[in-house]
Amino acid sequence: MIRIPRLAHIGVFLLLFCAAFPFFGWPAGLWVLFAIPVAVAVWIERTRTTVSESGIDARSMFSSRHIDWSEVKGLRIPKRGYLQLHLADDSDVRLPAVGYDRLADLVAASGGRIPDPFIGPEDADAADGSDTDETAAEASAATAEASAAPETDAVATETDAVATESESAQPENPKP
């Protein structure tokens, strides 16, 4: 279960404290200000995404939806806000309380149904232990070493030449 951290209730306490000052000034009219911290506390407690074997349950303040794994086509990572599931019918569903920082928790909870976007195809093959492209990798590594060696020597030779020129260009300081 991925939910908004309980530490957010500290913010609710601060809202309650801020609503108290106007209330003390006019209790008969401003008692409704206490509805704001109550609504935020309910939002914190209700908003969550639950990942199970049968699918994903997305629950927000006013709605709840169950999504089967067969409906999930992919995952969208927006620049801001919560992550979104891309479904087979080309619609998107927001995953409440699952931001970019909680993506690793979602991938782990899905049991491999949602692939880890931080692992590239090459890394996934290496993790699986496939050795199909081992000879191609060795050949490209050998080519890279062969091409890198002369460039390194040329750079070192140019650096030595520049250092020699700069030393000879400095005037000698006569001793008094």
Protein backbone atom coordinates (compact mmCIF):
# COMPACT_ATOMS: atom_id res chain seq x y z
CA MET A 1 0.00 0.00 0.00
CA ILE A 2 1.38 3.37 -1.06
CA ARG A 3 -0.11 6.29 0.80
CA ILE A 4 0.62 9.87 1.73
CA PRO A 5 3.05 9.88 4.67
CA ARG A 6 1.51 10.23 8.10
CA LEU A 7 3.94 13.04 8.78
CA ALA A 8 1.62 15.22 6.68
CA HIS A 9 -0.63 15.45 9.73
CA ILE A 10 1.84 18.01 11.08
CA GLY A 11 0.61 20.30 8.31
CA VAL A 12 -2.96 19.62 9.43
CA PHE A 13 -2.01 20.71 12.93
CA LEU A 14 -0.55 23.94 11.54
CA LEU A 15 -3.74 24.56 9.55
CA LEU A 16 -5.77 23.99 12.70
CA PHE A 17 -3.59 26.47 14.56
CA CYS A 18 -3.98 29.05 11.75
CA ALA A 19 -7.75 28.60 11.69
CA ALA A 20 -7.97 29.15 15.44
CA PHE A 21 -6.87 32.81 15.40
CA PRO A 22 -9.67 34.11 13.14
CA PHE A 23 -12.13 31.88 15.02
CA PHE A 24 -11.26 33.55 18.32
CA GLY A 25 -11.94 36.94 16.70
CA TRP A 26 -15.44 36.04 15.48
CA PRO A 27 -16.58 32.62 16.77
CA ALA A 28 -20.13 32.92 15.48
CA GLY A 29 -19.12 33.27 11.82
CA LEU A 30 -15.69 31.72 11.36
CA TRP A 31 -16.24 28.30 12.91
CA VAL A 32 -16.40 26.95 9.33
CA LEU A 33 -12.64 27.50 9.00
CA PHE A 34 -12.16 24.33 11.03
CA ALA A 35 -13.57 22.38 8.09
CA ILE A 36 -10.33 23.01 6.13
CA PRO A 37 -7.99 21.05 8.44
CA VAL A 38 -10.62 18.31 8.82
CA ALA A 39 -10.91 17.97 5.03
CA VAL A 40 -7.11 17.81 4.64
CA ALA A 41 -6.87 15.12 7.36
CA VAL A 42 -9.55 13.04 5.59
CA TRP A 43 -7.68 13.47 2.28
CA ILE A 44 -4.43 12.26 3.88
CA GLU A 45 -6.10 9.19 5.38
CA ARG A 46 -8.18 8.26 2.34
CA THR A 47 -5.74 8.81 -0.57
CA ARG A 48 -3.77 5.66 -1.40
CA THR A 49 -2.79 3.17 -4.08
CA THR A 50 -2.90 -0.51 -3.21
CA VAL A 51 -1.04 -3.03 -5.38
CA SER A 52 -2.15 -6.67 -5.16
CA GLU A 53 -2.08 -9.88 -7.15
CA SER A 54 -5.44 -9.06 -8.74
CA GLY A 55 -4.53 -5.52 -9.80
CA ILE A 56 -4.24 -1.97 -8.58
CA ASP A 57 -6.76 -0.15 -6.40
CA ALA A 58 -6.56 3.64 -6.77
CA ARG A 59 -8.47 5.51 -4.08
CA SER A 60 -8.71 9.28 -3.95
CA MET A 61 -10.78 11.65 -1.84
CA PHE A 62 -14.07 11.10 -3.66
CA SER A 63 -13.57 8.04 -5.88
CA SER A 64 -12.15 4.55 -5.95
CA ARG A 65 -11.21 2.36 -8.90
CA HIS A 66 -9.90 -1.18 -9.36
CA ILE A 67 -7.67 -1.87 -12.38
CA ASP A 68 -6.86 -5.45 -13.40
CA TRP A 69 -3.35 -6.24 -14.56
CA SER A 70 -4.73 -7.28 -17.97
CA GLU A 71 -5.92 -3.69 -18.52
CA VAL A 72 -2.49 -2.12 -17.84
CA LYS A 73 -0.59 -1.23 -21.00
CA GLY A 74 2.13 1.00 -19.58
CA LEU A 75 3.17 3.67 -17.14
CA ARG A 76 3.43 7.41 -17.70
CA ILE A 77 5.71 9.63 -15.65
CA PRO A 78 4.55 13.26 -15.88
CA LYS A 79 6.79 16.18 -15.01
CA ARG A 80 4.58 17.04 -12.05
CA GLY A 81 1.93 15.23 -10.09
CA TYR A 82 1.20 11.58 -9.58
CA LEU A 83 2.20 8.76 -11.92
CA GLN A 84 -0.38 7.54 -14.42
CA LEU A 85 -1.23 4.08 -15.71
CA HIS A 86 -1.84 3.88 -19.44
CA LEU A 87 -4.64 1.39 -20.03
CA ALA A 88 -5.47 -0.87 -22.98
CA ASP A 89 -8.33 1.43 -24.04
CA ASP A 90 -5.79 4.32 -24.40
CA SER A 91 -7.03 6.13 -21.31
CA ASP A 92 -4.89 7.21 -18.37
CA VAL A 93 -5.58 6.67 -14.69
CA ARG A 94 -3.80 8.68 -12.03
CA LEU A 95 -2.25 6.69 -9.18
CA PRO A 96 -2.94 8.67 -5.99
CA ALA A 97 0.03 9.09 -3.62
CA VAL A 98 2.48 7.60 -6.14
CA GLY A 99 4.86 10.34 -7.19
CA TYR A 100 8.19 9.92 -8.95
CA ASP A 101 9.87 9.39 -5.59
CA ARG A 102 7.64 6.35 -4.90
CA LEU A 103 8.19 4.71 -8.32
CA ALA A 104 10.59 2.14 -6.88
CA ASP A 105 7.95 1.09 -4.33
CA LEU A 106 5.39 0.64 -7.10
CA VAL A 107 7.76 -1.46 -9.23
CA ALA A 108 8.64 -3.66 -6.24
CA ALA A 109 5.02 -4.11 -5.21
CA SER A 110 3.92 -5.04 -8.74
CA GLY A 111 6.06 -8.17 -8.71
CA GLY A 112 7.56 -7.49 -12.15
CA ARG A 113 4.29 -6.58 -13.87
CA ILE A 114 5.49 -2.99 -14.12
CA PRO A 115 9.08 -2.95 -15.46
CA ASP A 116 11.71 -0.86 -13.75
CA PRO A 117 12.32 2.19 -15.99
CA PHE A 118 15.77 2.71 -14.49
CA ILE A 119 17.09 -0.56 -15.90
CA GLY A 120 17.85 -0.44 -19.62
CA PRO A 121 17.48 -3.45 -21.94
CA GLU A 122 21.23 -4.15 -21.74
CA ASP A 123 21.14 -4.14 -17.95
CA ALA A 124 18.09 -6.41 -17.91
CA ASP A 125 19.87 -8.91 -20.17
CA ALA A 126 22.92 -8.84 -17.91
CA ALA A 127 20.72 -9.37 -14.86
CA ASP A 128 19.03 -12.32 -16.58
CA GLY A 129 22.42 -13.88 -17.32
CA SER A 130 22.07 -14.07 -21.10
CA ASP A 131 25.42 -14.45 -22.85
CA THR A 132 24.24 -14.20 -26.46
CA ASP A 133 26.14 -11.03 -27.30
CA GLU A 134 29.27 -11.81 -25.28
CA THR A 135 31.56 -12.15 -28.32
CA ALA A 136 30.21 -8.93 -29.84
CA ALA A 137 30.82 -7.10 -26.57
CA GLU A 138 34.38 -8.43 -26.37
CA ALA A 139 35.05 -7.37 -29.96
CA SER A 140 33.73 -3.86 -29.40
CA ALA A 141 35.76 -3.56 -26.17
CA ALA A 142 38.93 -4.61 -27.99
CA THR A 143 38.24 -2.07 -30.75
CA ALA A 144 37.64 0.66 -28.19
CA GLU A 145 40.94 -0.13 -26.44
CA ALA A 146 42.85 -0.12 -29.70
CA SER A 147 41.40 3.20 -30.81
CA ALA A 148 41.84 4.81 -27.38
CA ALA A 149 45.52 3.94 -26.98
CA PRO A 150 46.95 6.12 -29.82
CA GLU A 151 44.78 9.08 -28.82
CA THR A 152 46.10 8.90 -25.27
CA ASP A 153 49.72 8.85 -26.50
CA ALA A 154 49.09 11.78 -28.83
CA VAL A 155 47.55 13.83 -26.04
CA ALA A 156 50.42 13.02 -23.71
CA THR A 157 52.96 14.04 -26.40
CA GLU A 158 51.19 17.34 -27.05
CA THR A 159 51.00 18.05 -23.31
CA ASP A 160 54.73 17.37 -22.90
CA ALA A 161 55.52 19.68 -25.83
CA VAL A 162 53.40 22.50 -24.38
CA ALA A 163 55.00 22.07 -20.97
CA THR A 164 58.52 22.23 -22.50
CA GLU A 165 57.66 25.38 -24.47
CA SER A 166 56.19 27.11 -21.42
CA GLU A 167 59.26 26.31 -19.32
CA SER A 168 61.63 27.70 -21.96
CA ALA A 169 59.48 30.82 -22.43
CA GLN A 170 59.87 31.88 -18.80
CA PRO A 171 62.73 34.33 -18.30
CA GLU A 172 65.43 33.42 -15.88
CA ASN A 173 65.51 35.44 -12.71
CA PRO A 174 68.98 36.78 -12.08
CA LYS A 175 70.12 36.67 -8.50
CA PRO A 176 71.03 40.04 -6.95
